[in-house]
Amino acid sequence: MDDYAGRVLADRYRLPLPPSDGYELVETRAFDTYSGQEVLVRQVPLPEIVDAEVLDADGRAPVGGRTTGRAVRRSTDPA
């Protein structure tokens, strides 16, 4: 458990301390506090721009066409 003295991810996964050279981790081992097992955690890059439209209860676009507004999430915005 002392190997995983870094931060806790999603109140479940205990991560090791970051390496001293400071590069960003893409894949690392972590400790799953729920199951008590060692797991492999991967960083998955997400798109910065998301295009979405409102659907009605039947899953169709509303009458009147598609809206053209776009929302851009900055890296400082909460997920």
PDB file of N, CA and C in Angstrom:
ATOM      1  N   MET A   1       0.820  -1.186   0.000  1.00  0.00           N
ATOM      2  CA  MET A   1       0.000   0.000   0.000  1.00  0.00           C
ATOM      3  C   MET A   1       0.870   1.258   0.000  1.00  0.00           C
ATOM      4  N   ASP A   2       2.059   1.181   0.590  1.00  0.00           N
ATOM      5  CA  ASP A   2       2.955   2.338   0.605  1.00  0.00           C
ATOM      6  C   ASP A   2       3.441   2.698  -0.792  1.00  0.00           C
ATOM      7  N   ASP A   3       3.396   1.737  -1.722  1.00  0.00           N
ATOM      8  CA  ASP A   3       3.785   2.022  -3.104  1.00  0.00           C
ATOM      9  C   ASP A   3       2.811   2.992  -3.761  1.00  0.00           C
ATOM     10  N   TYR A   4       1.603   3.088  -3.229  1.00  0.00           N
ATOM     11  CA  TYR A   4       0.559   3.925  -3.815  1.00  0.00           C
ATOM     12  C   TYR A   4       0.250   5.102  -2.893  1.00  0.00           C
ATOM     13  N   ALA A   5       1.259   5.927  -2.656  1.00  0.00           N
ATOM     14  CA  ALA A   5       1.135   7.061  -1.738  1.00  0.00           C
ATOM     15  C   ALA A   5       0.810   8.358  -2.464  1.00  0.00           C
ATOM     16  N   GLY A   6       0.506   8.286  -3.750  1.00  0.00           N
ATOM     17  CA  GLY A   6       0.163   9.484  -4.527  1.00  0.00           C
ATOM     18  C   GLY A   6      -1.299   9.847  -4.358  1.00  0.00           C
ATOM     19  N   ARG A   7      -1.856  10.494  -5.366  1.00  0.00           N
ATOM     20  CA  ARG A   7      -3.247  10.946  -5.267  1.00  0.00           C
ATOM     21  C   ARG A   7      -4.243   9.811  -5.465  1.00  0.00           C
ATOM     22  N   VAL A   8      -5.484  10.076  -5.098  1.00  0.00           N
ATOM     23  CA  VAL A   8      -6.569   9.108  -5.242  1.00  0.00           C
ATOM     24  C   VAL A   8      -7.452   9.572  -6.390  1.00  0.00           C
ATOM     25  N   LEU A   9      -7.734   8.682  -7.323  1.00  0.00           N
ATOM     26  CA  LEU A   9      -8.526   8.987  -8.507  1.00  0.00           C
ATOM     27  C   LEU A   9      -9.929   8.431  -8.331  1.00  0.00           C
ATOM     28  N   ALA A  10     -10.946   9.275  -8.474  1.00  0.00           N
ATOM     29  CA  ALA A  10     -12.361   8.887  -8.396  1.00  0.00           C
ATOM     30  C   ALA A  10     -12.709   8.218  -7.066  1.00  0.00           C
ATOM     31  N   ASP A  11     -12.077   8.637  -5.988  1.00  0.00           N
ATOM     32  CA  ASP A  11     -12.318   8.071  -4.647  1.00  0.00           C
ATOM     33  C   ASP A  11     -12.163   6.560  -4.605  1.00  0.00           C
ATOM     34  N   ARG A  12     -11.394   6.011  -5.531  1.00  0.00           N
ATOM     35  CA  ARG A  12     -11.270   4.550  -5.592  1.00  0.00           C
ATOM     36  C   ARG A  12      -9.852   4.070  -5.860  1.00  0.00           C
ATOM     37  N   TYR A  13      -9.156   4.675  -6.804  1.00  0.00           N
ATOM     38  CA  TYR A  13      -7.855   4.184  -7.254  1.00  0.00           C
ATOM     39  C   TYR A  13      -6.735   5.018  -6.656  1.00  0.00           C
ATOM     40  N   ARG A  14      -5.865   4.376  -5.899  1.00  0.00           N
ATOM     41  CA  ARG A  14      -4.701   5.049  -5.325  1.00  0.00           C
ATOM     42  C   ARG A  14      -3.551   4.938  -6.318  1.00  0.00           C
ATOM     43  N   LEU A  15      -3.016   6.083  -6.719  1.00  0.00           N
ATOM     44  CA  LEU A  15      -1.939   6.127  -7.702  1.00  0.00           C
ATOM     45  C   LEU A  15      -0.591   6.240  -7.004  1.00  0.00           C
ATOM     46  N   PRO A  16       0.465   5.792  -7.662  1.00  0.00           N
ATOM     47  CA  PRO A  16       1.801   5.966  -7.086  1.00  0.00           C
ATOM     48  C   PRO A  16       2.219   7.429  -7.152  1.00  0.00           C
ATOM     49  N   LEU A  17       3.254   7.771  -6.422  1.00  0.00           N
ATOM     50  CA  LEU A  17       3.799   9.125  -6.508  1.00  0.00           C
ATOM     51  C   LEU A  17       4.276   9.371  -7.930  1.00  0.00           C
ATOM     52  N   PRO A  18       4.125  10.605  -8.440  1.00  0.00           N
ATOM     53  CA  PRO A  18       4.585  10.883  -9.804  1.00  0.00           C
ATOM     54  C   PRO A  18       6.098  10.741  -9.902  1.00  0.00           C
ATOM     55  N   PRO A  19       6.603  10.363 -11.072  1.00  0.00           N
ATOM     56  CA  PRO A  19       8.051  10.217 -11.241  1.00  0.00           C
ATOM     57  C   PRO A  19       8.754  11.565 -11.096  1.00  0.00           C
ATOM     58  N   SER A  20      10.004  11.515 -10.704  1.00  0.00           N
ATOM     59  CA  SER A  20      10.753  12.745 -10.448  1.00  0.00           C
ATOM     60  C   SER A  20      11.060  13.535 -11.717  1.00  0.00           C
ATOM     61  N   ASP A  21      11.091  12.875 -12.886  1.00  0.00           N
ATOM     62  CA  ASP A  21      11.403  13.612 -14.112  1.00  0.00           C
ATOM     63  C   ASP A  21      10.193  14.375 -14.645  1.00  0.00           C
ATOM     64  N   GLY A  22       8.991  14.150 -14.101  1.00  0.00           N
ATOM     65  CA  GLY A  22       7.838  14.984 -14.387  1.00  0.00           C
ATOM     66  C   GLY A  22       7.124  14.762 -15.707  1.00  0.00           C
ATOM     67  N   TYR A  23       7.375  13.677 -16.400  1.00  0.00           N
ATOM     68  CA  TYR A  23       6.628  13.446 -17.635  1.00  0.00           C
ATOM     69  C   TYR A  23       5.208  12.999 -17.292  1.00  0.00           C
ATOM     70  N   GLU A  24       4.275  13.183 -18.245  1.00  0.00           N
ATOM     71  CA  GLU A  24       2.885  12.815 -18.001  1.00  0.00           C
ATOM     72  C   GLU A  24       2.680  11.324 -18.186  1.00  0.00           C
ATOM     73  N   LEU A  25       1.998  10.709 -17.246  1.00  0.00           N
ATOM     74  CA  LEU A  25       1.727   9.277 -17.334  1.00  0.00           C
ATOM     75  C   LEU A  25       0.574   9.011 -18.297  1.00  0.00           C
ATOM     76  N   VAL A  26       0.727   8.027 -19.151  1.00  0.00           N
ATOM     77  CA  VAL A  26      -0.342   7.600 -20.038  1.00  0.00           C
ATOM     78  C   VAL A  26      -0.924   6.294 -19.519  1.00  0.00           C
ATOM     79  N   GLU A  27      -0.087   5.482 -18.913  1.00  0.00           N
ATOM     80  CA  GLU A  27      -0.505   4.196 -18.368  1.00  0.00           C
ATOM     81  C   GLU A  27       0.298   3.928 -17.095  1.00  0.00           C
ATOM     82  N   THR A  28      -0.370   3.526 -16.040  1.00  0.00           N
ATOM     83  CA  THR A  28       0.316   3.259 -14.783  1.00  0.00           C
ATOM     84  C   THR A  28      -0.461   2.237 -13.964  1.00  0.00           C
ATOM     85  N   ARG A  29       0.208   1.617 -13.031  1.00  0.00           N
ATOM     86  CA  ARG A  29      -0.456   0.702 -12.108  1.00  0.00           C
ATOM     87  C   ARG A  29      -1.073   1.522 -10.984  1.00  0.00           C
ATOM     88  N   ALA A  30      -2.195   1.044 -10.459  1.00  0.00           N
ATOM     89  CA  ALA A  30      -2.877   1.704  -9.346  1.00  0.00           C
ATOM     90  C   ALA A  30      -3.442   0.630  -8.430  1.00  0.00           C
ATOM     91  N   PHE A  31      -3.837   1.037  -7.232  1.00  0.00           N
ATOM     92  CA  PHE A  31      -4.427   0.110  -6.274  1.00  0.00           C
ATOM     93  C   PHE A  31      -5.914   0.406  -6.170  1.00  0.00           C
ATOM     94  N   ASP A  32      -6.754  -0.581  -6.485  1.00  0.00           N
ATOM     95  CA  ASP A  32      -8.206  -0.448  -6.409  1.00  0.00           C
ATOM     96  C   ASP A  32      -8.628  -0.680  -4.961  1.00  0.00           C
ATOM     97  N   THR A  33      -9.064   0.381  -4.287  1.00  0.00           N
ATOM     98  CA  THR A  33      -9.414   0.266  -2.869  1.00  0.00           C
ATOM     99  C   THR A  33     -10.704  -0.512  -2.653  1.00  0.00           C
ATOM    100  N   TYR A  34     -11.551  -0.659  -3.672  1.00  0.00           N
ATOM    101  CA  TYR A  34     -12.794  -1.425  -3.527  1.00  0.00           C
ATOM    102  C   TYR A  34     -12.527  -2.921  -3.551  1.00  0.00           C
ATOM    103  N   SER A  35     -11.716  -3.376  -4.517  1.00  0.00           N
ATOM    104  CA  SER A  35     -11.475  -4.815  -4.659  1.00  0.00           C
ATOM    105  C   SER A  35     -10.208  -5.272  -3.951  1.00  0.00           C
ATOM    106  N   GLY A  36      -9.308  -4.328  -3.625  1.00  0.00           N
ATOM    107  CA  GLY A  36      -8.051  -4.692  -2.987  1.00  0.00           C
ATOM    108  C   GLY A  36      -7.034  -5.257  -3.952  1.00  0.00           C
ATOM    109  N   GLN A  37      -7.236  -5.041  -5.250  1.00  0.00           N
ATOM    110  CA  GLN A  37      -6.331  -5.572  -6.267  1.00  0.00           C
ATOM    111  C   GLN A  37      -5.547  -4.453  -6.935  1.00  0.00           C
ATOM    112  N   GLU A  38      -4.419  -4.844  -7.514  1.00  0.00           N
ATOM    113  CA  GLU A  38      -3.630  -3.921  -8.310  1.00  0.00           C
ATOM    114  C   GLU A  38      -4.220  -3.914  -9.722  1.00  0.00           C
ATOM    115  N   VAL A  39      -4.425  -2.728 -10.291  1.00  0.00           N
ATOM    116  CA  VAL A  39      -5.036  -2.597 -11.612  1.00  0.00           C
ATOM    117  C   VAL A  39      -4.161  -1.717 -12.497  1.00  0.00           C
ATOM    118  N   LEU A  40      -4.435  -1.731 -13.790  1.00  0.00           N
ATOM    119  CA  LEU A  40      -3.740  -0.889 -14.754  1.00  0.00           C
ATOM    120  C   LEU A  40      -4.681   0.245 -15.148  1.00  0.00           C
ATOM    121  N   VAL A  41      -4.235   1.496 -14.996  1.00  0.00           N
ATOM    122  CA  VAL A  41      -5.044   2.667 -15.310  1.00  0.00           C
ATOM    123  C   VAL A  41      -4.450   3.340 -16.532  1.00  0.00           C
ATOM    124  N   ARG A  42      -5.300   3.640 -17.523  1.00  0.00           N
ATOM    125  CA  ARG A  42      -4.853   4.307 -18.753  1.00  0.00           C
ATOM    126  C   ARG A  42      -5.518   5.663 -18.880  1.00  0.00           C
ATOM    127  N   GLN A  43      -4.766   6.634 -19.377  1.00  0.00           N
ATOM    128  CA  GLN A  43      -5.307   7.961 -19.659  1.00  0.00           C
ATOM    129  C   GLN A  43      -5.872   7.934 -21.071  1.00  0.00           C
ATOM    130  N   VAL A  44      -7.132   8.336 -21.215  1.00  0.00           N
ATOM    131  CA  VAL A  44      -7.786   8.339 -22.520  1.00  0.00           C
ATOM    132  C   VAL A  44      -8.029   9.795 -22.922  1.00  0.00           C
ATOM    133  N   PRO A  45      -7.418  10.258 -24.018  1.00  0.00           N
ATOM    134  CA  PRO A  45      -7.642  11.640 -24.442  1.00  0.00           C
ATOM    135  C   PRO A  45      -9.069  11.804 -24.972  1.00  0.00           C
ATOM    136  N   LEU A  46      -9.706  12.896 -24.585  1.00  0.00           N
ATOM    137  CA  LEU A  46     -11.064  13.183 -25.028  1.00  0.00           C
ATOM    138  C   LEU A  46     -11.045  14.349 -26.003  1.00  0.00           C
ATOM    139  N   PRO A  47     -12.035  14.424 -26.891  1.00  0.00           N
ATOM    140  CA  PRO A  47     -12.067  15.545 -27.842  1.00  0.00           C
ATOM    141  C   PRO A  47     -12.341  16.860 -27.123  1.00  0.00           C
ATOM    142  N   GLU A  48     -11.804  17.933 -27.647  1.00  0.00           N
ATOM    143  CA  GLU A  48     -11.996  19.250 -27.052  1.00  0.00           C
ATOM    144  C   GLU A  48     -13.311  19.885 -27.497  1.00  0.00           C
ATOM    145  N   ILE A  49     -13.814  19.511 -28.675  1.00  0.00           N
ATOM    146  CA  ILE A  49     -15.041  20.091 -29.211  1.00  0.00           C
ATOM    147  C   ILE A  49     -16.075  18.986 -29.340  1.00  0.00           C
ATOM    148  N   VAL A  50     -17.268  19.251 -28.825  1.00  0.00           N
ATOM    149  CA  VAL A  50     -18.352  18.278 -28.897  1.00  0.00           C
ATOM    150  C   VAL A  50     -19.520  18.928 -29.615  1.00  0.00           C
ATOM    151  N   ASP A  51     -20.068  18.251 -30.618  1.00  0.00           N
ATOM    152  CA  ASP A  51     -21.222  18.737 -31.354  1.00  0.00           C
ATOM    153  C   ASP A  51     -22.422  17.909 -30.928  1.00  0.00           C
ATOM    154  N   ALA A  52     -23.481  18.557 -30.442  1.00  0.00           N
ATOM    155  CA  ALA A  52     -24.646  17.830 -29.950  1.00  0.00           C
ATOM    156  C   ALA A  52     -25.912  18.538 -30.390  1.00  0.00           C
ATOM    157  N   GLU A  53     -27.002  17.782 -30.460  1.00  0.00           N
ATOM    158  CA  GLU A  53     -28.295  18.369 -30.771  1.00  0.00           C
ATOM    159  C   GLU A  53     -29.359  17.731 -29.894  1.00  0.00           C
ATOM    160  N   VAL A  54     -30.427  18.470 -29.655  1.00  0.00           N
ATOM    161  CA  VAL A  54     -31.510  17.999 -28.799  1.00  0.00           C
ATOM    162  C   VAL A  54     -32.415  17.076 -29.602  1.00  0.00           C
ATOM    163  N   LEU A  55     -32.794  15.947 -29.001  1.00  0.00           N
ATOM    164  CA  LEU A  55     -33.710  15.007 -29.633  1.00  0.00           C
ATOM    165  C   LEU A  55     -35.007  14.977 -28.845  1.00  0.00           C
ATOM    166  N   ASP A  56     -36.110  14.667 -29.535  1.00  0.00           N
ATOM    167  CA  ASP A  56     -37.370  14.518 -28.809  1.00  0.00           C
ATOM    168  C   ASP A  56     -37.445  13.120 -28.207  1.00  0.00           C
ATOM    169  N   ALA A  57     -38.567  12.780 -27.606  1.00  0.00           N
ATOM    170  CA  ALA A  57     -38.712  11.496 -26.919  1.00  0.00           C
ATOM    171  C   ALA A  57     -38.554  10.303 -27.857  1.00  0.00           C
ATOM    172  N   ASP A  58     -38.851  10.478 -29.151  1.00  0.00           N
ATOM    173  CA  ASP A  58     -38.730   9.386 -30.120  1.00  0.00           C
ATOM    174  C   ASP A  58     -37.332   9.282 -30.716  1.00  0.00           C
ATOM    175  N   GLY A  59     -36.440  10.180 -30.337  1.00  0.00           N
ATOM    176  CA  GLY A  59     -35.075  10.139 -30.847  1.00  0.00           C
ATOM    177  C   GLY A  59     -34.888  10.890 -32.145  1.00  0.00           C
ATOM    178  N   ARG A  60     -35.858  11.738 -32.512  1.00  0.00           N
ATOM    179  CA  ARG A  60     -35.755  12.519 -33.749  1.00  0.00           C
ATOM    180  C   ARG A  60     -35.390  13.962 -33.429  1.00  0.00           C
ATOM    181  N   ALA A  61     -34.779  14.625 -34.403  1.00  0.00           N
ATOM    182  CA  ALA A  61     -34.461  16.045 -34.242  1.00  0.00           C
ATOM    183  C   ALA A  61     -35.760  16.842 -34.221  1.00  0.00           C
ATOM    184  N   PRO A  62     -35.842  17.933 -33.464  1.00  0.00           N
ATOM    185  CA  PRO A  62     -37.067  18.723 -33.404  1.00  0.00           C
ATOM    186  C   PRO A  62     -37.382  19.376 -34.742  1.00  0.00           C
ATOM    187  N   VAL A  63     -38.670  19.652 -34.957  1.00  0.00           N
ATOM    188  CA  VAL A  63     -39.106  20.315 -36.186  1.00  0.00           C
ATOM    189  C   VAL A  63     -38.495  21.709 -36.215  1.00  0.00           C
ATOM    190  N   GLY A  64     -38.054  22.126 -37.392  1.00  0.00           N
ATOM    191  CA  GLY A  64     -37.429  23.435 -37.499  1.00  0.00           C
ATOM    192  C   GLY A  64     -35.949  23.326 -37.808  1.00  0.00           C
ATOM    193  N   GLY A  65     -35.459  22.117 -37.923  1.00  0.00           N
ATOM    194  CA  GLY A  65     -34.074  21.935 -38.328  1.00  0.00           C
ATOM    195  C   GLY A  65     -33.113  21.840 -37.174  1.00  0.00           C
ATOM    196  N   ARG A  66     -31.892  21.830 -37.541  1.00  0.00           N
ATOM    197  CA  ARG A  66     -30.795  21.637 -36.599  1.00  0.00           C
ATOM    198  C   ARG A  66     -30.223  22.977 -36.198  1.00  0.00           C
ATOM    199  N   THR A  67     -29.877  23.120 -34.951  1.00  0.00           N
ATOM    200  CA  THR A  67     -29.227  24.346 -34.497  1.00  0.00           C
ATOM    201  C   THR A  67     -27.748  24.291 -34.853  1.00  0.00           C
ATOM    202  N   THR A  68     -27.164  25.453 -35.052  1.00  0.00           N
ATOM    203  CA  THR A  68     -25.756  25.488 -35.455  1.00  0.00           C
ATOM    204  C   THR A  68     -24.836  25.919 -34.323  1.00  0.00           C
ATOM    205  N   GLY A  69     -25.369  26.141 -33.130  1.00  0.00           N
ATOM    206  CA  GLY A  69     -24.525  26.570 -32.013  1.00  0.00           C
ATOM    207  C   GLY A  69     -23.578  25.463 -31.578  1.00  0.00           C
ATOM    208  N   ARG A  70     -22.379  25.833 -31.205  1.00  0.00           N
ATOM    209  CA  ARG A  70     -21.386  24.862 -30.738  1.00  0.00           C
ATOM    210  C   ARG A  70     -20.890  25.286 -29.377  1.00  0.00           C
ATOM    211  N   ALA A  71     -20.606  24.322 -28.572  1.00  0.00           N
ATOM    212  CA  ALA A  71     -20.047  24.590 -27.249  1.00  0.00           C
ATOM    213  C   ALA A  71     -18.616  24.079 -27.225  1.00  0.00           C
ATOM    214  N   VAL A  72     -17.713  24.901 -26.756  1.00  0.00           N
ATOM    215  CA  VAL A  72     -16.306  24.519 -26.675  1.00  0.00           C
ATOM    216  C   VAL A  72     -15.924  24.473 -25.205  1.00  0.00           C
ATOM    217  N   ARG A  73     -15.370  23.354 -24.783  1.00  0.00           N
ATOM    218  CA  ARG A  73     -14.930  23.199 -23.402  1.00  0.00           C
ATOM    219  C   ARG A  73     -13.450  23.492 -23.331  1.00  0.00           C
ATOM    220  N   ARG A  74     -13.097  24.378 -22.421  1.00  0.00           N
ATOM    221  CA  ARG A  74     -11.683  24.690 -22.212  1.00  0.00           C
ATOM    222  C   ARG A  74     -11.084  23.695 -21.228  1.00  0.00           C
ATOM    223  N   SER A  75      -9.783  23.580 -21.223  1.00  0.00           N
ATOM    224  CA  SER A  75      -9.118  22.633 -20.324  1.00  0.00           C
ATOM    225  C   SER A  75      -9.306  23.008 -18.855  1.00  0.00           C
ATOM    226  N   THR A  76      -9.655  24.265 -18.574  1.00  0.00           N
ATOM    227  CA  THR A  76      -9.861  24.693 -17.192  1.00  0.00           C
ATOM    228  C   THR A  76     -11.292  24.494 -16.720  1.00  0.00           C
ATOM    229  N   ASP A  77     -12.229  24.160 -17.628  1.00  0.00           N
ATOM    230  CA  ASP A  77     -13.624  23.927 -17.256  1.00  0.00           C
ATOM    231  C   ASP A  77     -13.762  22.580 -16.574  1.00  0.00           C
ATOM    232  N   PRO A  78     -14.664  22.497 -15.578  1.00  0.00           N
ATOM    233  CA  PRO A  78     -14.880  21.192 -14.936  1.00  0.00           C
ATOM    234  C   PRO A  78     -15.540  20.221 -15.896  1.00  0.00           C
ATOM    235  N   ALA A  79     -15.255  18.950 -15.729  1.00  0.00           N
ATOM    236  CA  ALA A  79     -15.808  17.937 -16.628  1.00  0.00           C
ATOM    237  C   ALA A  79     -17.254  17.667 -16.320  1.00  0.00           C
TER     238      ALA A  79
END
